[in-house]
Amino acid sequence: MRAVCLLMAVLAGVISRVPVYAQMDEGLVKAAALLKVALFVDWPAASVNDRFVIAVAADDDFSQKVITAARGRRLNNREIAVRRLAESDETCGCQMLFVGGREDARSTTLLRWARTKPVLTVGETTAFLREGGIVRVFRADDKLRLQINNKSAEDAGLKISSRLLQLVDQAP
């Protein structure tokens, strides 16, 4: 609970004097951010089922941090399941897809697959939003930052809350 409260304060810009990464592990902060961002997104009714699946295309260390952050949590009364995508996986039945910064070669393929599906795509690279990704989570000035490509979200049938849009950095 402390991590979620701290993350919300960071996203709201309340904590500005003490860098986020001096307080917590960077991977855990990003993993918690995935769960928090999902609270501010509405999916089409047809895509909602009893489990909220987060697919992770990233290294084992980050995948494990997402699993840890999701353990025992629910999202809008749905169990959260985390699935690590193997190298050969190009598709999955997920509501959120995280593409790690080291997955540049797969990023284009994964984004092409997700583009017209109700999947919230989250990545780290500067090119991620230009390639059609929806949320970029990154480190700047030792703080967690978010950028959102709202057009890509709308194309995927997702509605991002205006409350979250007010908190993010302007997308390039």
N, C-alpha and C. Protein backbone atom coordinates (compact mmCIF):
# COMPACT_ATOMS: atom_id res chain seq x y z
N MET A 1 0.83 -1.19 0.00
CA MET A 1 0.00 0.00 0.00
C MET A 1 0.87 1.25 0.00
N ARG A 2 1.98 1.23 0.77
CA ARG A 2 2.88 2.37 0.83
C ARG A 2 3.43 2.70 -0.56
N ALA A 3 3.79 1.65 -1.32
CA ALA A 3 4.34 1.86 -2.66
C ALA A 3 3.31 2.50 -3.58
N VAL A 4 2.05 2.09 -3.48
CA VAL A 4 1.00 2.64 -4.33
C VAL A 4 0.77 4.11 -3.97
N CYS A 5 0.74 4.43 -2.68
CA CYS A 5 0.55 5.82 -2.25
C CYS A 5 1.71 6.68 -2.71
N LEU A 6 2.94 6.17 -2.57
CA LEU A 6 4.11 6.91 -3.01
C LEU A 6 4.07 7.14 -4.51
N LEU A 7 3.70 6.11 -5.26
CA LEU A 7 3.63 6.25 -6.71
C LEU A 7 2.60 7.29 -7.11
N MET A 8 1.45 7.27 -6.47
CA MET A 8 0.41 8.26 -6.79
C MET A 8 0.91 9.67 -6.51
N ALA A 9 1.63 9.84 -5.40
CA ALA A 9 2.18 11.15 -5.09
C ALA A 9 3.20 11.57 -6.14
N VAL A 10 4.00 10.63 -6.60
CA VAL A 10 4.99 10.94 -7.64
C VAL A 10 4.28 11.33 -8.93
N LEU A 11 3.27 10.54 -9.32
CA LEU A 11 2.55 10.85 -10.56
C LEU A 11 1.88 12.20 -10.48
N ALA A 12 1.44 12.60 -9.31
CA ALA A 12 0.79 13.90 -9.14
C ALA A 12 1.80 15.02 -9.00
N GLY A 13 3.07 14.69 -8.91
CA GLY A 13 4.09 15.72 -8.81
C GLY A 13 4.26 16.27 -7.41
N VAL A 14 3.73 15.60 -6.42
CA VAL A 14 3.81 16.10 -5.05
C VAL A 14 5.23 16.00 -4.52
N ILE A 15 5.91 14.90 -4.83
CA ILE A 15 7.27 14.72 -4.35
C ILE A 15 8.21 15.24 -5.42
N SER A 16 8.81 16.37 -5.15
CA SER A 16 9.69 16.94 -6.16
C SER A 16 11.12 17.10 -5.65
N ARG A 17 11.32 17.15 -4.36
CA ARG A 17 12.66 17.39 -3.82
C ARG A 17 13.49 16.12 -3.73
N VAL A 18 12.85 14.98 -3.47
CA VAL A 18 13.58 13.73 -3.29
C VAL A 18 13.35 12.86 -4.52
N PRO A 19 14.40 12.53 -5.23
CA PRO A 19 14.23 11.71 -6.44
C PRO A 19 13.59 10.37 -6.14
N VAL A 20 12.72 9.94 -7.05
CA VAL A 20 12.02 8.67 -6.91
C VAL A 20 13.00 7.52 -6.78
N TYR A 21 14.07 7.53 -7.54
CA TYR A 21 14.97 6.40 -7.58
C TYR A 21 15.87 6.34 -6.36
N ALA A 22 15.91 7.41 -5.56
CA ALA A 22 16.64 7.37 -4.31
C ALA A 22 15.80 6.66 -3.25
N GLN A 23 14.50 6.57 -3.47
CA GLN A 23 13.58 6.00 -2.50
C GLN A 23 13.29 4.53 -2.76
N MET A 24 13.21 4.13 -4.03
CA MET A 24 12.78 2.78 -4.37
C MET A 24 13.56 2.26 -5.57
N ASP A 25 13.49 0.97 -5.76
CA ASP A 25 14.09 0.32 -6.91
C ASP A 25 13.37 0.76 -8.18
N GLU A 26 14.12 1.15 -9.21
CA GLU A 26 13.55 1.65 -10.46
C GLU A 26 12.56 0.68 -11.09
N GLY A 27 12.92 -0.60 -11.14
CA GLY A 27 12.04 -1.60 -11.74
C GLY A 27 10.74 -1.75 -10.98
N LEU A 28 10.81 -1.71 -9.65
CA LEU A 28 9.59 -1.81 -8.85
C LEU A 28 8.69 -0.60 -9.05
N VAL A 29 9.28 0.57 -9.18
CA VAL A 29 8.49 1.78 -9.41
C VAL A 29 7.79 1.68 -10.76
N LYS A 30 8.50 1.24 -11.79
CA LYS A 30 7.88 1.09 -13.11
C LYS A 30 6.80 0.01 -13.09
N ALA A 31 7.06 -1.08 -12.40
CA ALA A 31 6.07 -2.16 -12.31
C ALA A 31 4.80 -1.66 -11.61
N ALA A 32 4.97 -0.92 -10.53
CA ALA A 32 3.81 -0.37 -9.82
C ALA A 32 3.09 0.66 -10.69
N ALA A 33 3.84 1.39 -11.51
CA ALA A 33 3.24 2.38 -12.41
C ALA A 33 2.32 1.70 -13.42
N LEU A 34 2.70 0.52 -13.90
CA LEU A 34 1.84 -0.21 -14.85
C LEU A 34 0.46 -0.44 -14.24
N LEU A 35 0.46 -0.90 -13.00
CA LEU A 35 -0.81 -1.19 -12.33
C LEU A 35 -1.60 0.08 -12.09
N LYS A 36 -0.90 1.14 -11.72
CA LYS A 36 -1.58 2.41 -11.42
C LYS A 36 -2.18 3.02 -12.69
N VAL A 37 -1.42 3.01 -13.78
CA VAL A 37 -1.91 3.58 -15.04
C VAL A 37 -3.18 2.86 -15.49
N ALA A 38 -3.21 1.54 -15.31
CA ALA A 38 -4.37 0.76 -15.75
C ALA A 38 -5.66 1.21 -15.06
N LEU A 39 -5.55 1.78 -13.87
CA LEU A 39 -6.74 2.26 -13.16
C LEU A 39 -7.39 3.45 -13.86
N PHE A 40 -6.63 4.12 -14.72
CA PHE A 40 -7.11 5.33 -15.38
C PHE A 40 -7.51 5.09 -16.84
N VAL A 41 -7.70 3.83 -17.20
CA VAL A 41 -8.03 3.47 -18.58
C VAL A 41 -9.34 2.69 -18.59
N ASP A 42 -10.21 3.02 -19.55
CA ASP A 42 -11.44 2.26 -19.76
C ASP A 42 -11.29 1.44 -21.04
N TRP A 43 -11.58 0.14 -20.91
CA TRP A 43 -11.54 -0.77 -22.04
C TRP A 43 -12.95 -0.98 -22.57
N PRO A 44 -13.10 -1.29 -23.86
CA PRO A 44 -14.44 -1.60 -24.39
C PRO A 44 -15.03 -2.79 -23.64
N ALA A 45 -16.32 -2.77 -23.42
CA ALA A 45 -17.00 -3.81 -22.65
C ALA A 45 -16.73 -5.21 -23.21
N ALA A 46 -16.64 -5.33 -24.51
CA ALA A 46 -16.44 -6.64 -25.13
C ALA A 46 -15.08 -7.25 -24.80
N SER A 47 -14.11 -6.43 -24.40
CA SER A 47 -12.77 -6.95 -24.13
C SER A 47 -12.55 -7.28 -22.66
N VAL A 48 -13.54 -7.01 -21.81
CA VAL A 48 -13.39 -7.23 -20.38
C VAL A 48 -13.79 -8.66 -20.02
N ASN A 49 -12.92 -9.34 -19.28
CA ASN A 49 -13.23 -10.67 -18.76
C ASN A 49 -12.85 -10.73 -17.29
N ASP A 50 -12.84 -11.91 -16.69
CA ASP A 50 -12.60 -11.99 -15.25
C ASP A 50 -11.15 -11.86 -14.84
N ARG A 51 -10.22 -11.86 -15.79
CA ARG A 51 -8.80 -11.65 -15.46
C ARG A 51 -8.25 -10.50 -16.27
N PHE A 52 -7.39 -9.72 -15.64
CA PHE A 52 -6.68 -8.64 -16.33
C PHE A 52 -5.28 -9.17 -16.57
N VAL A 53 -4.93 -9.35 -17.86
CA VAL A 53 -3.66 -9.97 -18.20
C VAL A 53 -2.66 -8.90 -18.66
N ILE A 54 -1.51 -8.91 -18.01
CA ILE A 54 -0.39 -8.04 -18.40
C ILE A 54 0.66 -8.93 -19.04
N ALA A 55 0.95 -8.67 -20.30
CA ALA A 55 2.02 -9.40 -20.99
C ALA A 55 3.29 -8.55 -20.92
N VAL A 56 4.39 -9.21 -20.64
CA VAL A 56 5.66 -8.49 -20.47
C VAL A 56 6.69 -9.03 -21.46
N ALA A 57 7.15 -8.15 -22.34
CA ALA A 57 8.24 -8.47 -23.25
C ALA A 57 9.44 -7.69 -22.74
N ALA A 58 10.13 -8.27 -21.78
CA ALA A 58 11.27 -7.62 -21.13
C ALA A 58 12.12 -8.71 -20.49
N ASP A 59 13.22 -8.30 -19.87
CA ASP A 59 14.09 -9.27 -19.24
C ASP A 59 13.42 -9.92 -18.03
N ASP A 60 14.00 -11.04 -17.60
CA ASP A 60 13.42 -11.80 -16.49
C ASP A 60 13.33 -10.97 -15.21
N ASP A 61 14.31 -10.12 -14.96
CA ASP A 61 14.32 -9.32 -13.74
C ASP A 61 13.10 -8.40 -13.68
N PHE A 62 12.83 -7.68 -14.78
CA PHE A 62 11.67 -6.79 -14.76
C PHE A 62 10.37 -7.58 -14.74
N SER A 63 10.31 -8.66 -15.48
CA SER A 63 9.11 -9.49 -15.47
C SER A 63 8.78 -9.94 -14.05
N GLN A 64 9.80 -10.33 -13.31
CA GLN A 64 9.60 -10.77 -11.92
C GLN A 64 9.10 -9.61 -11.05
N LYS A 65 9.56 -8.41 -11.33
CA LYS A 65 9.11 -7.26 -10.55
C LYS A 65 7.63 -6.95 -10.83
N VAL A 66 7.20 -7.14 -12.06
CA VAL A 66 5.78 -6.95 -12.37
C VAL A 66 4.95 -8.02 -11.66
N ILE A 67 5.43 -9.24 -11.66
CA ILE A 67 4.74 -10.32 -10.96
C ILE A 67 4.63 -10.00 -9.47
N THR A 68 5.72 -9.51 -8.89
CA THR A 68 5.72 -9.13 -7.47
C THR A 68 4.74 -8.00 -7.20
N ALA A 69 4.74 -6.98 -8.05
CA ALA A 69 3.84 -5.84 -7.85
C ALA A 69 2.37 -6.25 -7.99
N ALA A 70 2.10 -7.23 -8.83
CA ALA A 70 0.71 -7.64 -9.10
C ALA A 70 0.20 -8.69 -8.11
N ARG A 71 1.12 -9.35 -7.41
CA ARG A 71 0.74 -10.46 -6.53
C ARG A 71 -0.33 -10.03 -5.52
N GLY A 72 -1.45 -10.75 -5.52
CA GLY A 72 -2.52 -10.50 -4.57
C GLY A 72 -3.38 -9.28 -4.85
N ARG A 73 -3.11 -8.59 -5.94
CA ARG A 73 -3.87 -7.38 -6.26
C ARG A 73 -4.97 -7.69 -7.26
N ARG A 74 -5.94 -6.83 -7.28
CA ARG A 74 -7.04 -6.92 -8.23
C ARG A 74 -7.18 -5.57 -8.91
N LEU A 75 -7.68 -5.60 -10.12
CA LEU A 75 -7.92 -4.38 -10.87
C LEU A 75 -9.39 -4.35 -11.25
N ASN A 76 -10.12 -3.42 -10.69
CA ASN A 76 -11.56 -3.34 -10.92
C ASN A 76 -12.24 -4.68 -10.70
N ASN A 77 -11.94 -5.29 -9.57
CA ASN A 77 -12.50 -6.58 -9.16
C ASN A 77 -12.08 -7.76 -10.04
N ARG A 78 -11.01 -7.59 -10.79
CA ARG A 78 -10.51 -8.69 -11.62
C ARG A 78 -9.13 -9.11 -11.14
N GLU A 79 -8.89 -10.41 -11.14
CA GLU A 79 -7.58 -10.94 -10.80
C GLU A 79 -6.57 -10.44 -11.84
N ILE A 80 -5.37 -10.10 -11.39
CA ILE A 80 -4.31 -9.68 -12.31
C ILE A 80 -3.38 -10.86 -12.56
N ALA A 81 -3.18 -11.18 -13.82
CA ALA A 81 -2.26 -12.25 -14.21
C ALA A 81 -1.15 -11.62 -15.04
N VAL A 82 0.08 -12.04 -14.80
CA VAL A 82 1.23 -11.54 -15.55
C VAL A 82 1.80 -12.68 -16.36
N ARG A 83 2.05 -12.41 -17.64
CA ARG A 83 2.59 -13.42 -18.55
C ARG A 83 3.82 -12.86 -19.23
N ARG A 84 4.94 -13.54 -19.09
CA ARG A 84 6.15 -13.12 -19.77
C ARG A 84 6.13 -13.68 -21.19
N LEU A 85 6.30 -12.80 -22.16
CA LEU A 85 6.30 -13.25 -23.56
C LEU A 85 7.66 -13.83 -23.91
N ALA A 86 7.65 -15.02 -24.44
CA ALA A 86 8.89 -15.65 -24.91
C ALA A 86 9.31 -14.97 -26.21
N GLU A 87 10.55 -15.20 -26.59
CA GLU A 87 11.08 -14.59 -27.82
C GLU A 87 10.20 -14.85 -29.04
N SER A 88 9.61 -16.04 -29.11
CA SER A 88 8.83 -16.40 -30.29
C SER A 88 7.38 -15.90 -30.22
N ASP A 89 6.94 -15.45 -29.07
CA ASP A 89 5.56 -14.96 -28.94
C ASP A 89 5.40 -13.61 -29.63
N GLU A 90 4.40 -13.51 -30.46
CA GLU A 90 4.10 -12.23 -31.10
C GLU A 90 2.71 -11.75 -30.73
N THR A 91 1.89 -12.64 -30.21
CA THR A 91 0.54 -12.26 -29.83
C THR A 91 0.21 -12.85 -28.47
N CYS A 92 -0.79 -12.28 -27.86
CA CYS A 92 -1.23 -12.80 -26.57
C CYS A 92 -2.63 -12.28 -26.30
N GLY A 93 -3.33 -12.94 -25.41
CA GLY A 93 -4.64 -12.47 -25.00
C GLY A 93 -4.48 -11.60 -23.78
N CYS A 94 -4.09 -10.35 -23.97
CA CYS A 94 -3.81 -9.48 -22.84
C CYS A 94 -4.56 -8.16 -22.98
N GLN A 95 -4.66 -7.45 -21.87
CA GLN A 95 -5.24 -6.11 -21.88
C GLN A 95 -4.14 -5.05 -21.82
N MET A 96 -2.96 -5.44 -21.34
CA MET A 96 -1.81 -4.54 -21.27
C MET A 96 -0.58 -5.28 -21.77
N LEU A 97 0.23 -4.58 -22.55
CA LEU A 97 1.47 -5.15 -23.07
C LEU A 97 2.60 -4.19 -22.76
N PHE A 98 3.58 -4.66 -21.98
CA PHE A 98 4.77 -3.85 -21.70
C PHE A 98 5.90 -4.35 -22.57
N VAL A 99 6.55 -3.40 -23.27
CA VAL A 99 7.68 -3.72 -24.14
C VAL A 99 8.91 -3.02 -23.56
N GLY A 100 9.85 -3.79 -23.04
CA GLY A 100 11.06 -3.24 -22.43
C GLY A 100 11.97 -2.59 -23.44
N GLY A 101 12.83 -1.73 -22.95
CA GLY A 101 13.75 -0.98 -23.80
C GLY A 101 14.72 -1.84 -24.59
N ARG A 102 15.01 -3.03 -24.11
CA ARG A 102 15.93 -3.93 -24.80
C ARG A 102 15.23 -4.77 -25.86
N GLU A 103 13.96 -4.53 -26.06
CA GLU A 103 13.16 -5.33 -27.00
C GLU A 103 12.88 -4.57 -28.30
N ASP A 104 13.77 -3.65 -28.70
CA ASP A 104 13.56 -2.83 -29.89
C ASP A 104 13.23 -3.65 -31.13
N ALA A 105 13.92 -4.76 -31.31
CA ALA A 105 13.70 -5.57 -32.51
C ALA A 105 12.28 -6.13 -32.56
N ARG A 106 11.71 -6.46 -31.42
CA ARG A 106 10.35 -7.02 -31.36
C ARG A 106 9.28 -5.95 -31.25
N SER A 107 9.66 -4.76 -30.85
CA SER A 107 8.69 -3.70 -30.57
C SER A 107 7.77 -3.44 -31.74
N THR A 108 8.31 -3.29 -32.92
CA THR A 108 7.50 -2.99 -34.10
C THR A 108 6.48 -4.09 -34.37
N THR A 109 6.91 -5.34 -34.28
CA THR A 109 6.01 -6.47 -34.52
C THR A 109 4.90 -6.51 -33.47
N LEU A 110 5.27 -6.34 -32.20
CA LEU A 110 4.28 -6.37 -31.13
C LEU A 110 3.29 -5.21 -31.26
N LEU A 111 3.79 -4.03 -31.59
CA LEU A 111 2.89 -2.88 -31.74
C LEU A 111 1.98 -3.03 -32.95
N ARG A 112 2.49 -3.61 -34.02
CA ARG A 112 1.65 -3.85 -35.20
C ARG A 112 0.51 -4.80 -34.84
N TRP A 113 0.81 -5.85 -34.04
CA TRP A 113 -0.22 -6.79 -33.61
C TRP A 113 -1.26 -6.09 -32.72
N ALA A 114 -0.82 -5.24 -31.83
CA ALA A 114 -1.72 -4.62 -30.84
C ALA A 114 -2.47 -3.41 -31.36
N ARG A 115 -2.03 -2.84 -32.44
CA ARG A 115 -2.53 -1.54 -32.92
C ARG A 115 -4.05 -1.42 -32.95
N THR A 116 -4.75 -2.42 -33.43
CA THR A 116 -6.21 -2.31 -33.57
C THR A 116 -6.97 -3.15 -32.54
N LYS A 117 -6.26 -3.55 -31.50
CA LYS A 117 -6.88 -4.34 -30.44
C LYS A 117 -6.97 -3.48 -29.17
N PRO A 118 -7.90 -3.79 -28.29
CA PRO A 118 -8.01 -3.02 -27.04
C PRO A 118 -6.92 -3.42 -26.04
N VAL A 119 -5.68 -3.11 -26.41
CA VAL A 119 -4.52 -3.44 -25.59
C VAL A 119 -3.77 -2.15 -25.28
N LEU A 120 -3.56 -1.89 -24.00
CA LEU A 120 -2.78 -0.74 -23.57
C LEU A 120 -1.31 -1.09 -23.70
N THR A 121 -0.63 -0.48 -24.65
CA THR A 121 0.78 -0.77 -24.86
C THR A 121 1.61 0.25 -24.07
N VAL A 122 2.61 -0.26 -23.38
CA VAL A 122 3.48 0.57 -22.54
C VAL A 122 4.92 0.21 -22.88
N GLY A 123 5.74 1.23 -23.09
CA GLY A 123 7.14 1.00 -23.42
C GLY A 123 8.04 2.05 -22.81
N GLU A 124 9.33 1.93 -23.10
CA GLU A 124 10.33 2.80 -22.48
C GLU A 124 11.10 3.68 -23.47
N THR A 125 11.18 3.29 -24.72
CA THR A 125 12.07 3.99 -25.64
C THR A 125 11.46 5.28 -26.19
N THR A 126 12.30 6.16 -26.66
CA THR A 126 11.83 7.43 -27.22
C THR A 126 11.03 7.21 -28.49
N ALA A 127 11.31 6.14 -29.23
CA ALA A 127 10.59 5.87 -30.48
C ALA A 127 9.25 5.17 -30.25
N PHE A 128 9.00 4.68 -29.05
CA PHE A 128 7.82 3.86 -28.77
C PHE A 128 6.51 4.54 -29.16
N LEU A 129 6.34 5.79 -28.78
CA LEU A 129 5.09 6.49 -29.10
C LEU A 129 4.96 6.77 -30.60
N ARG A 130 6.06 7.09 -31.25
CA ARG A 130 6.03 7.34 -32.71
C ARG A 130 5.65 6.08 -33.47
N GLU A 131 6.01 4.92 -32.92
CA GLU A 131 5.71 3.64 -33.57
C GLU A 131 4.28 3.17 -33.31
N GLY A 132 3.53 3.93 -32.52
CA GLY A 132 2.14 3.58 -32.26
C GLY A 132 1.86 3.11 -30.85
N GLY A 133 2.87 3.11 -29.98
CA GLY A 133 2.65 2.76 -28.58
C GLY A 133 1.79 3.81 -27.90
N ILE A 134 1.19 3.44 -26.79
CA ILE A 134 0.25 4.34 -26.12
C ILE A 134 0.88 5.07 -24.94
N VAL A 135 1.60 4.38 -24.08
CA VAL A 135 2.20 5.01 -22.89
C VAL A 135 3.69 4.77 -22.90
N ARG A 136 4.44 5.82 -22.65
CA ARG A 136 5.89 5.69 -22.47
C ARG A 136 6.19 6.01 -21.01
N VAL A 137 6.87 5.11 -20.33
CA VAL A 137 7.30 5.33 -18.96
C VAL A 137 8.82 5.40 -18.99
N PHE A 138 9.36 6.46 -18.41
CA PHE A 138 10.80 6.66 -18.52
C PHE A 138 11.31 7.47 -17.32
N ARG A 139 12.61 7.50 -17.23
CA ARG A 139 13.29 8.21 -16.15
C ARG A 139 13.86 9.52 -16.70
N ALA A 140 13.56 10.61 -16.01
CA ALA A 140 14.12 11.92 -16.37
C ALA A 140 14.31 12.70 -15.08
N ASP A 141 15.46 13.29 -14.93
CA ASP A 141 15.77 14.05 -13.71
C ASP A 141 15.52 13.21 -12.46
N ASP A 142 15.88 11.93 -12.53
CA ASP A 142 15.70 10.99 -11.42
C ASP A 142 14.26 10.86 -10.95
N LYS A 143 13.33 11.07 -11.86
CA LYS A 143 11.91 10.92 -11.54
C LYS A 143 11.24 10.05 -12.59
N LEU A 144 10.18 9.40 -12.19
CA LEU A 144 9.37 8.64 -13.13
C LEU A 144 8.53 9.60 -13.93
N ARG A 145 8.53 9.44 -15.24
CA ARG A 145 7.74 10.31 -16.12
C ARG A 145 6.90 9.43 -17.03
N LEU A 146 5.79 9.99 -17.46
CA LEU A 146 4.91 9.31 -18.41
C LEU A 146 4.62 10.23 -19.57
N GLN A 147 4.51 9.66 -20.75
CA GLN A 147 4.01 10.35 -21.93
C GLN A 147 2.93 9.45 -22.53
N ILE A 148 1.91 10.07 -23.11
CA ILE A 148 0.80 9.30 -23.66
C ILE A 148 0.49 9.75 -25.08
N ASN A 149 0.31 8.78 -25.96
CA ASN A 149 -0.15 9.02 -27.32
C ASN A 149 -1.65 8.71 -27.31
N ASN A 150 -2.46 9.73 -27.06
CA ASN A 150 -3.90 9.53 -26.91
C ASN A 150 -4.56 9.08 -28.22
N LYS A 151 -4.01 9.48 -29.34
CA LYS A 151 -4.57 9.04 -30.63
C LYS A 151 -4.44 7.53 -30.77
N SER A 152 -3.29 6.98 -30.41
CA SER A 152 -3.12 5.53 -30.46
C SER A 152 -4.08 4.83 -29.51
N ALA A 153 -4.31 5.43 -28.34
CA ALA A 153 -5.27 4.86 -27.38
C ALA A 153 -6.66 4.82 -28.00
N GLU A 154 -7.07 5.93 -28.61
CA GLU A 154 -8.40 5.99 -29.24
C GLU A 154 -8.51 4.99 -30.38
N ASP A 155 -7.44 4.85 -31.18
CA ASP A 155 -7.44 3.88 -32.28
C ASP A 155 -7.63 2.45 -31.76
N ALA A 156 -7.14 2.18 -30.54
CA ALA A 156 -7.27 0.86 -29.94
C ALA A 156 -8.59 0.68 -29.20
N GLY A 157 -9.41 1.73 -29.18
CA GLY A 157 -10.70 1.65 -28.50
C GLY A 157 -10.62 1.89 -27.01
N LEU A 158 -9.50 2.47 -26.56
CA LEU A 158 -9.30 2.73 -25.13
C LEU A 158 -9.58 4.20 -24.82
N LYS A 159 -10.10 4.45 -23.64
CA LYS A 159 -10.34 5.82 -23.18
C LYS A 159 -9.48 6.06 -21.95
N ILE A 160 -8.57 7.02 -22.06
CA ILE A 160 -7.69 7.36 -20.94
C ILE A 160 -8.31 8.53 -20.19
N SER A 161 -8.37 8.40 -18.89
CA SER A 161 -8.97 9.41 -18.03
C SER A 161 -8.26 10.76 -18.17
N SER A 162 -9.05 11.81 -18.16
CA SER A 162 -8.48 13.16 -18.23
C SER A 162 -7.62 13.43 -17.00
N ARG A 163 -7.91 12.77 -15.89
CA ARG A 163 -7.09 12.95 -14.68
C ARG A 163 -5.66 12.49 -14.93
N LEU A 164 -5.48 11.38 -15.64
CA LEU A 164 -4.13 10.91 -15.96
C LEU A 164 -3.50 11.80 -17.02
N LEU A 165 -4.26 12.20 -18.03
CA LEU A 165 -3.72 13.03 -19.10
C LEU A 165 -3.18 14.36 -18.55
N GLN A 166 -3.74 14.86 -17.47
CA GLN A 166 -3.27 16.11 -16.87
C GLN A 166 -1.91 15.93 -16.17
N LEU A 167 -1.57 14.71 -15.81
CA LEU A 167 -0.35 14.45 -15.03
C LEU A 167 0.86 14.11 -15.89
N VAL A 168 0.67 13.83 -17.16
CA VAL A 168 1.77 13.31 -17.98
C VAL A 168 2.52 14.44 -18.67
N ASP A 169 3.77 14.12 -19.07
CA ASP A 169 4.54 15.04 -19.88
C ASP A 169 3.96 15.06 -21.30
N GLN A 170 4.14 16.15 -21.98
CA GLN A 170 3.67 16.27 -23.35
C GLN A 170 4.42 15.29 -24.24
N ALA A 171 3.69 14.53 -25.04
CA ALA A 171 4.32 13.58 -25.96
C ALA A 171 4.93 14.36 -27.13
N PRO A 172 6.07 13.88 -27.64
CA PRO A 172 6.71 14.59 -28.78
C PRO A 172 5.90 14.50 -30.04
